[in-house]
């Protein structure tokens, strides 16, 4: 059961003026097909991350069931959903831009 119960603490931000502090924990073993995570903190929930080889790249598909638990975000989520979704898309795009740099920096 490689990696199960390993955790990583995250402090994430986007263009919106709210940082998120949360922890990811591996809940199902890491295999060539993927693994499952649980989130706790300002975001909560769980879901699998599925990995697939796509030529020289690895594709990742997630089926997360995540909810905002940070009180302000939870109260405003219905009203500000479009802004939260736009912030999420922006943050994910920044991650995709930086992924090749991180990959290339590894030994």
Protein backbone atom coordinates (compact mmCIF):
# COMPACT_ATOMS: atom_id res chain seq x y z
CA UNK A 1 0.00 0.00 0.00
CA UNK A 2 2.54 2.49 -1.24
CA UNK A 3 1.91 6.06 -0.13
CA UNK A 4 -1.38 5.52 1.73
CA UNK A 5 -1.87 8.10 4.51
CA UNK A 6 0.93 10.33 3.20
CA UNK A 7 -0.11 13.97 3.45
CA UNK A 8 0.89 17.31 1.99
CA UNK A 9 -0.12 20.68 3.41
CA UNK A 10 -1.11 23.27 0.79
CA UNK A 11 -1.48 27.05 0.76
CA UNK A 12 -3.06 27.96 -2.56
CA UNK A 13 -4.09 31.27 -4.07
CA UNK A 14 -5.55 32.55 -7.30
CA UNK A 15 -6.36 36.03 -8.54
CA UNK A 16 -9.28 36.25 -6.10
CA UNK A 17 -8.37 37.72 -2.68
CA UNK A 18 -8.74 34.56 -0.60
CA UNK A 19 -5.97 32.07 0.18
CA UNK A 20 -6.88 28.47 0.91
CA UNK A 21 -5.12 26.27 3.46
CA UNK A 22 -5.81 22.59 3.13
CA UNK A 23 -4.27 19.14 3.44
CA UNK A 24 -4.30 16.32 0.91
CA UNK A 25 -4.03 12.72 2.12
CA UNK A 26 -3.56 9.67 -0.09
CA UNK A 27 -6.43 7.30 0.73
CA UNK A 28 -5.92 4.53 -1.85
CA UNK A 29 -2.64 3.00 -3.00
CA UNK A 30 -0.63 4.62 -5.78
CA UNK A 31 -0.60 2.41 -8.87
CA UNK A 32 0.16 2.92 -12.55
CA UNK A 33 -3.57 3.65 -12.99
CA UNK A 34 -3.71 6.36 -10.31
CA UNK A 35 -4.63 6.85 -6.65
CA UNK A 36 -7.27 8.49 -4.47
CA UNK A 37 -7.02 11.59 -2.28
CA UNK A 38 -8.99 13.20 0.52
CA UNK A 39 -8.91 16.95 1.22
CA UNK A 40 -9.35 18.57 4.63
CA UNK A 41 -9.20 22.22 5.67
CA UNK A 42 -10.65 25.16 3.70
CA UNK A 43 -11.60 22.55 1.07
CA UNK A 44 -12.99 19.14 1.94
CA UNK A 45 -13.91 16.03 0.02
CA UNK A 46 -12.32 13.18 -1.88
CA UNK A 47 -11.93 11.44 -5.18
CA UNK A 48 -9.69 9.45 -7.50
CA UNK A 49 -6.97 10.73 -9.81
CA UNK A 50 -6.61 8.47 -12.84
CA UNK A 51 -3.36 8.40 -14.82
CA UNK A 52 -2.95 7.38 -18.46
CA UNK A 53 0.03 7.40 -20.75
CA UNK A 54 -0.44 9.73 -23.72
CA UNK A 55 2.74 9.40 -25.77
CA UNK A 56 5.59 11.04 -23.82
CA UNK A 57 3.05 12.78 -21.53
CA UNK A 58 0.87 11.49 -18.71
CA UNK A 59 -2.76 12.52 -18.74
CA UNK A 60 -4.54 13.06 -15.42
CA UNK A 61 -8.29 12.84 -14.94
CA UNK A 62 -9.87 13.62 -11.60
CA UNK A 63 -13.34 12.90 -10.29
CA UNK A 64 -13.15 15.01 -7.15
CA UNK A 65 -16.12 15.73 -4.95
CA UNK A 66 -14.79 18.85 -3.23
CA UNK A 67 -16.69 21.47 -1.23
CA UNK A 68 -15.63 24.78 0.27
CA UNK A 69 -15.56 24.53 4.04
CA UNK A 70 -14.03 27.98 4.65
CA UNK A 71 -17.00 29.84 6.20
CA UNK A 72 -16.91 32.92 3.95
CA UNK A 73 -16.58 30.85 0.77
CA UNK A 74 -19.31 28.45 1.85
CA UNK A 75 -21.75 31.32 2.54
CA UNK A 76 -21.02 33.10 -0.75
CA UNK A 77 -20.67 30.04 -3.00
CA UNK A 78 -24.08 30.26 -4.68
CA UNK A 79 -23.83 33.98 -5.31
CA UNK A 80 -20.21 34.00 -6.46
CA UNK A 81 -19.99 30.59 -8.16
CA UNK A 82 -19.03 32.07 -11.58
CA UNK A 83 -16.18 34.04 -9.99
CA UNK A 84 -14.98 31.00 -8.00
CA UNK A 85 -15.04 28.87 -11.16
CA UNK A 86 -13.12 31.51 -13.12
CA UNK A 87 -10.54 31.73 -10.32
CA UNK A 88 -10.19 27.93 -10.36
CA UNK A 89 -9.68 27.83 -14.15
CA UNK A 90 -7.07 30.61 -13.85
CA UNK A 91 -5.19 28.76 -11.09
CA UNK A 92 -5.26 25.46 -13.02
CA UNK A 93 -3.91 27.19 -16.13
CA UNK A 94 -1.02 28.60 -14.05
CA UNK A 95 -0.32 25.08 -12.77
CA UNK A 96 -0.25 23.68 -16.31
CA UNK A 97 2.16 26.44 -17.35
CA UNK A 98 4.54 25.67 -14.49
CA UNK A 99 4.33 21.84 -14.72
CA UNK A 100 6.95 21.56 -17.51
CA UNK A 101 9.35 23.74 -15.51
CA UNK A 102 8.92 21.50 -12.45
CA UNK A 103 9.30 18.35 -14.51
CA UNK A 104 12.44 19.66 -16.22
CA UNK A 105 14.00 20.66 -12.89
CA UNK A 106 13.91 17.09 -11.53
CA UNK A 107 17.13 15.03 -11.58
